[in-house]
Structure formats: C-alpha cells, structure tokens
C-alpha cells in the first residue's frame, strides 16, 4: 500500500530539496522506499534521508560485497561512508553523512 497523497507530495518535495541532481531512476526508488509502510511514522524529510542513505549504500557502494565478505553492518557502513558521501555530493545533496551519525 502506498502513502496517502499528501504524504507522497511531502516526500516528493523533500526528495527534490535533498537531491537536486539525482538521476530519475534513483529518485523513483528512493521515493518508493520513503513512502513504504515501515516509514509512515517518520516525518517525510527523515524518511527521505533514510531511504536515500540505504539506496546509495546498497546500489552505489561496496556495502553488499563487504557484508558478503563477513563484515558486520556497522563495519560495512563505516567503510562505505566516503563512497556514500561522494554520491551525495555528485547529486548535490544538501546534507552528507557526518562522522558520528548513526542511521
């Protein structure tokens, strides 16, 4: 089940504000993930941020490979933080992962 229309609009607005230059295919996946049922209690901007980080981590970094090699999630996240921030920068994101941030 998808998010109600008002929430979908808020998610779209938050996504455009956060990632002005992200490719359409990435934006659509992030939009869908931010609108997922398990995100519905979060403010749209937080849902978009979490969906963005998860998408970049799983699609545009070595995260999955590190997990497959036996790294735990926290270690794998640490090792892909720079790749994640590089992608956010490429998409002209208005926010980056900082050093002590935990998602």
N, C-alpha and C. Protein backbone atom coordinates (compact mmCIF):
# COMPACT_ATOMS: atom_id res chain seq x y z
N UNK A 1 0.84 -1.19 0.00
CA UNK A 1 0.00 0.00 0.00
C UNK A 1 0.88 1.24 0.00
N UNK A 2 0.54 2.21 -0.82
CA UNK A 2 1.38 3.40 -0.92
C UNK A 2 0.90 4.49 0.03
N UNK A 3 1.73 5.48 0.20
CA UNK A 3 1.44 6.57 1.11
C UNK A 3 0.26 7.41 0.60
N UNK A 4 -0.50 8.03 1.52
CA UNK A 4 -1.57 8.93 1.09
C UNK A 4 -1.00 10.09 0.27
N UNK A 5 -1.86 10.71 -0.52
CA UNK A 5 -1.43 11.74 -1.47
C UNK A 5 -0.66 12.88 -0.82
N UNK A 6 -1.14 13.40 0.31
CA UNK A 6 -0.44 14.49 0.99
C UNK A 6 0.97 14.09 1.39
N UNK A 7 1.10 12.89 1.90
CA UNK A 7 2.43 12.40 2.28
C UNK A 7 3.30 12.19 1.05
N UNK A 8 2.73 11.66 -0.01
CA UNK A 8 3.50 11.48 -1.26
C UNK A 8 4.04 12.82 -1.75
N UNK A 9 3.21 13.85 -1.69
CA UNK A 9 3.66 15.19 -2.11
C UNK A 9 4.78 15.69 -1.21
N UNK A 10 4.64 15.49 0.10
CA UNK A 10 5.67 15.93 1.05
C UNK A 10 6.98 15.18 0.81
N UNK A 11 6.88 13.89 0.52
CA UNK A 11 8.07 13.09 0.22
C UNK A 11 8.73 13.58 -1.06
N UNK A 12 7.93 13.84 -2.09
CA UNK A 12 8.48 14.34 -3.36
C UNK A 12 9.19 15.67 -3.16
N UNK A 13 8.59 16.54 -2.37
CA UNK A 13 9.18 17.86 -2.10
C UNK A 13 10.49 17.71 -1.33
N UNK A 14 10.50 16.86 -0.30
CA UNK A 14 11.70 16.63 0.50
C UNK A 14 12.82 16.01 -0.35
N UNK A 15 12.43 15.12 -1.24
CA UNK A 15 13.41 14.45 -2.11
C UNK A 15 14.05 15.44 -3.08
N UNK A 16 13.25 16.30 -3.68
CA UNK A 16 13.76 17.31 -4.60
C UNK A 16 14.68 18.30 -3.86
N UNK A 17 14.30 18.64 -2.64
CA UNK A 17 15.12 19.57 -1.85
C UNK A 17 16.46 18.94 -1.46
N UNK A 18 16.43 17.66 -1.09
CA UNK A 18 17.65 16.98 -0.63
C UNK A 18 18.59 16.64 -1.79
N UNK A 19 18.03 16.17 -2.91
CA UNK A 19 18.85 15.64 -4.01
C UNK A 19 18.51 16.29 -5.35
N UNK A 20 18.91 17.54 -5.54
CA UNK A 20 18.52 18.23 -6.77
C UNK A 20 19.01 17.58 -8.07
N UNK A 21 20.12 16.86 -8.04
CA UNK A 21 20.67 16.30 -9.29
C UNK A 21 20.71 14.78 -9.34
N UNK A 22 19.95 14.12 -8.50
CA UNK A 22 19.94 12.65 -8.54
C UNK A 22 19.23 12.19 -9.82
N UNK A 23 19.71 11.10 -10.42
CA UNK A 23 19.06 10.57 -11.62
C UNK A 23 17.63 10.11 -11.32
N UNK A 24 16.78 10.19 -12.32
CA UNK A 24 15.36 9.86 -12.17
C UNK A 24 15.16 8.45 -11.60
N UNK A 25 15.86 7.47 -12.12
CA UNK A 25 15.68 6.08 -11.66
C UNK A 25 15.99 5.96 -10.16
N UNK A 26 17.04 6.63 -9.71
CA UNK A 26 17.38 6.60 -8.29
C UNK A 26 16.31 7.33 -7.48
N UNK A 27 15.87 8.49 -7.97
CA UNK A 27 14.84 9.26 -7.26
C UNK A 27 13.57 8.44 -7.10
N UNK A 28 13.17 7.71 -8.15
CA UNK A 28 11.94 6.93 -8.08
C UNK A 28 12.04 5.82 -7.04
N UNK A 29 13.18 5.15 -6.98
CA UNK A 29 13.38 4.09 -5.99
C UNK A 29 13.38 4.66 -4.58
N UNK A 30 14.07 5.78 -4.38
CA UNK A 30 14.12 6.42 -3.07
C UNK A 30 12.72 6.90 -2.67
N UNK A 31 11.99 7.48 -3.61
CA UNK A 31 10.63 7.94 -3.34
C UNK A 31 9.75 6.78 -2.87
N UNK A 32 9.84 5.65 -3.56
CA UNK A 32 9.05 4.47 -3.20
C UNK A 32 9.44 3.97 -1.81
N UNK A 33 10.74 3.90 -1.55
CA UNK A 33 11.21 3.41 -0.25
C UNK A 33 10.78 4.36 0.88
N UNK A 34 10.86 5.66 0.65
CA UNK A 34 10.47 6.65 1.67
C UNK A 34 8.97 6.57 1.97
N UNK A 35 8.18 6.13 0.99
CA UNK A 35 6.74 6.01 1.17
C UNK A 35 6.29 4.66 1.71
N UNK A 36 7.24 3.78 2.00
CA UNK A 36 6.90 2.43 2.46
C UNK A 36 6.22 2.47 3.83
N UNK A 37 5.44 1.45 4.10
CA UNK A 37 4.66 1.36 5.33
C UNK A 37 5.54 1.54 6.58
N UNK A 38 6.71 0.91 6.60
CA UNK A 38 7.55 0.98 7.81
C UNK A 38 8.13 2.37 8.05
N UNK A 39 7.97 3.29 7.08
CA UNK A 39 8.47 4.66 7.23
C UNK A 39 7.36 5.65 7.57
N UNK A 40 6.11 5.18 7.62
CA UNK A 40 4.98 6.11 7.69
C UNK A 40 4.91 6.94 8.97
N UNK A 41 5.54 6.49 10.04
CA UNK A 41 5.50 7.27 11.28
C UNK A 41 6.58 8.35 11.32
N UNK A 42 7.50 8.32 10.37
CA UNK A 42 8.59 9.31 10.33
C UNK A 42 8.17 10.54 9.55
N UNK A 43 8.71 11.70 9.91
CA UNK A 43 8.47 12.89 9.07
C UNK A 43 9.03 12.62 7.67
N UNK A 44 8.39 13.17 6.64
CA UNK A 44 8.84 12.93 5.27
C UNK A 44 10.33 13.19 5.04
N UNK A 45 10.86 14.26 5.62
CA UNK A 45 12.29 14.57 5.39
C UNK A 45 13.20 13.49 5.97
N UNK A 46 12.81 12.92 7.11
CA UNK A 46 13.61 11.84 7.73
C UNK A 46 13.47 10.57 6.90
N UNK A 47 12.25 10.25 6.48
CA UNK A 47 12.03 9.06 5.65
C UNK A 47 12.85 9.14 4.37
N UNK A 48 12.87 10.31 3.75
CA UNK A 48 13.64 10.50 2.51
C UNK A 48 15.13 10.34 2.78
N UNK A 49 15.63 10.91 3.87
CA UNK A 49 17.05 10.79 4.19
C UNK A 49 17.44 9.33 4.41
N UNK A 50 16.67 8.61 5.21
CA UNK A 50 16.98 7.21 5.49
C UNK A 50 16.90 6.35 4.22
N UNK A 51 15.87 6.60 3.41
CA UNK A 51 15.73 5.86 2.15
C UNK A 51 16.88 6.17 1.20
N UNK A 52 17.32 7.43 1.19
CA UNK A 52 18.44 7.84 0.33
C UNK A 52 19.72 7.13 0.73
N UNK A 53 20.03 7.16 2.02
CA UNK A 53 21.26 6.53 2.50
C UNK A 53 21.23 5.03 2.24
N UNK A 54 20.11 4.39 2.52
CA UNK A 54 20.01 2.95 2.27
C UNK A 54 20.17 2.64 0.78
N UNK A 55 19.52 3.43 -0.07
CA UNK A 55 19.60 3.20 -1.51
C UNK A 55 21.04 3.34 -2.00
N UNK A 56 21.68 4.44 -1.64
CA UNK A 56 23.07 4.66 -2.08
C UNK A 56 23.96 3.53 -1.57
N UNK A 57 23.79 3.19 -0.32
CA UNK A 57 24.63 2.15 0.30
C UNK A 57 24.50 0.82 -0.45
N UNK A 58 23.28 0.43 -0.76
CA UNK A 58 23.05 -0.88 -1.37
C UNK A 58 23.32 -0.90 -2.87
N UNK A 59 23.14 0.23 -3.56
CA UNK A 59 23.23 0.25 -5.02
C UNK A 59 24.54 0.86 -5.53
N UNK A 60 25.08 1.83 -4.83
CA UNK A 60 26.21 2.60 -5.36
C UNK A 60 27.50 2.47 -4.56
N UNK A 61 27.56 1.52 -3.62
CA UNK A 61 28.80 1.33 -2.84
C UNK A 61 29.14 -0.16 -2.77
N UNK A 62 30.21 -0.48 -2.09
CA UNK A 62 30.64 -1.86 -1.89
C UNK A 62 29.99 -2.51 -0.67
N UNK A 63 28.95 -1.91 -0.13
CA UNK A 63 28.32 -2.38 1.10
C UNK A 63 27.93 -3.86 1.04
N UNK A 64 27.20 -4.24 0.00
CA UNK A 64 26.75 -5.64 -0.12
C UNK A 64 27.95 -6.59 -0.20
N UNK A 65 28.97 -6.19 -0.93
CA UNK A 65 30.18 -7.01 -1.06
C UNK A 65 30.86 -7.19 0.30
N UNK A 66 30.93 -6.11 1.08
CA UNK A 66 31.55 -6.18 2.41
C UNK A 66 30.75 -7.12 3.32
N UNK A 67 29.43 -7.03 3.26
CA UNK A 67 28.60 -7.94 4.07
C UNK A 67 28.85 -9.38 3.65
N UNK A 68 28.93 -9.61 2.34
CA UNK A 68 29.16 -10.96 1.82
C UNK A 68 30.53 -11.49 2.26
N UNK A 69 31.48 -10.57 2.46
CA UNK A 69 32.82 -10.97 2.91
C UNK A 69 32.89 -11.19 4.41
N UNK A 70 31.77 -10.94 5.12
CA UNK A 70 31.72 -11.24 6.54
C UNK A 70 31.78 -10.05 7.47
N UNK A 71 31.87 -8.85 6.92
CA UNK A 71 31.86 -7.67 7.79
C UNK A 71 30.48 -7.51 8.41
N UNK A 72 30.43 -7.02 9.67
CA UNK A 72 29.12 -6.74 10.27
C UNK A 72 28.60 -5.42 9.68
N UNK A 73 27.33 -5.15 9.89
CA UNK A 73 26.70 -3.97 9.28
C UNK A 73 27.39 -2.67 9.66
N UNK A 74 27.73 -2.49 10.93
CA UNK A 74 28.36 -1.24 11.36
C UNK A 74 29.72 -1.04 10.69
N UNK A 75 30.50 -2.10 10.60
CA UNK A 75 31.81 -2.00 9.95
C UNK A 75 31.65 -1.71 8.47
N UNK A 76 30.73 -2.41 7.82
CA UNK A 76 30.50 -2.18 6.39
C UNK A 76 30.04 -0.75 6.16
N UNK A 77 29.16 -0.25 7.00
CA UNK A 77 28.69 1.15 6.87
C UNK A 77 29.84 2.13 7.03
N UNK A 78 30.72 1.86 7.99
CA UNK A 78 31.88 2.71 8.20
C UNK A 78 32.74 2.76 6.93
N UNK A 79 32.98 1.60 6.33
CA UNK A 79 33.87 1.53 5.18
C UNK A 79 33.26 2.14 3.91
N UNK A 80 31.94 2.27 3.84
CA UNK A 80 31.34 2.86 2.63
C UNK A 80 30.88 4.30 2.85
N UNK A 81 31.17 4.86 4.01
CA UNK A 81 30.73 6.23 4.30
C UNK A 81 31.27 7.22 3.27
N UNK A 82 32.55 7.11 2.91
CA UNK A 82 33.14 8.03 1.94
C UNK A 82 32.50 7.87 0.57
N UNK A 83 32.27 6.62 0.13
CA UNK A 83 31.58 6.38 -1.15
C UNK A 83 30.18 6.98 -1.12
N UNK A 84 29.50 6.83 0.01
CA UNK A 84 28.14 7.36 0.16
C UNK A 84 28.17 8.88 0.03
N UNK A 85 29.08 9.53 0.74
CA UNK A 85 29.17 10.99 0.66
C UNK A 85 29.58 11.47 -0.72
N UNK A 86 30.41 10.70 -1.42
CA UNK A 86 30.78 11.07 -2.79
C UNK A 86 29.55 11.07 -3.70
N UNK A 87 28.68 10.08 -3.53
CA UNK A 87 27.46 10.02 -4.34
C UNK A 87 26.52 11.16 -3.96
N UNK A 88 26.38 11.42 -2.67
CA UNK A 88 25.54 12.55 -2.23
C UNK A 88 26.06 13.86 -2.82
N UNK A 89 27.38 14.03 -2.83
CA UNK A 89 27.98 15.24 -3.40
C UNK A 89 27.72 15.33 -4.90
N UNK A 90 27.85 14.21 -5.60
CA UNK A 90 27.59 14.17 -7.04
C UNK A 90 26.15 14.59 -7.34
N UNK A 91 25.23 14.21 -6.47
CA UNK A 91 23.83 14.55 -6.65
C UNK A 91 23.48 15.92 -6.05
N UNK A 92 24.50 16.65 -5.59
CA UNK A 92 24.34 17.98 -4.99
C UNK A 92 23.42 17.95 -3.77
N UNK A 93 23.56 16.90 -2.97
CA UNK A 93 22.73 16.76 -1.77
C UNK A 93 22.98 17.93 -0.83
N UNK A 94 21.94 18.31 -0.10
CA UNK A 94 22.04 19.40 0.85
C UNK A 94 22.54 18.92 2.21
N UNK A 95 22.86 17.64 2.29
CA UNK A 95 23.32 17.04 3.54
C UNK A 95 24.23 15.85 3.21
N UNK A 96 25.22 15.62 4.08
CA UNK A 96 26.11 14.47 3.97
C UNK A 96 26.07 13.68 5.28
N UNK A 97 26.53 12.44 5.23
CA UNK A 97 26.71 11.66 6.46
C UNK A 97 27.86 12.28 7.23
N UNK A 98 27.68 12.52 8.51
CA UNK A 98 28.81 13.03 9.29
C UNK A 98 29.42 11.89 10.08
N UNK A 99 30.54 12.19 10.71
CA UNK A 99 31.36 11.15 11.34
C UNK A 99 30.64 10.34 12.39
N UNK A 100 29.87 10.98 13.25
CA UNK A 100 29.27 10.22 14.35
C UNK A 100 27.82 9.83 14.09
N UNK A 101 27.33 10.10 12.90
CA UNK A 101 25.94 9.84 12.62
C UNK A 101 25.61 8.35 12.57
N UNK A 102 24.55 7.99 13.22
CA UNK A 102 24.04 6.62 13.17
C UNK A 102 22.66 6.66 12.54
N UNK A 103 22.40 5.82 11.59
CA UNK A 103 21.08 5.79 10.97
C UNK A 103 20.22 4.77 11.69
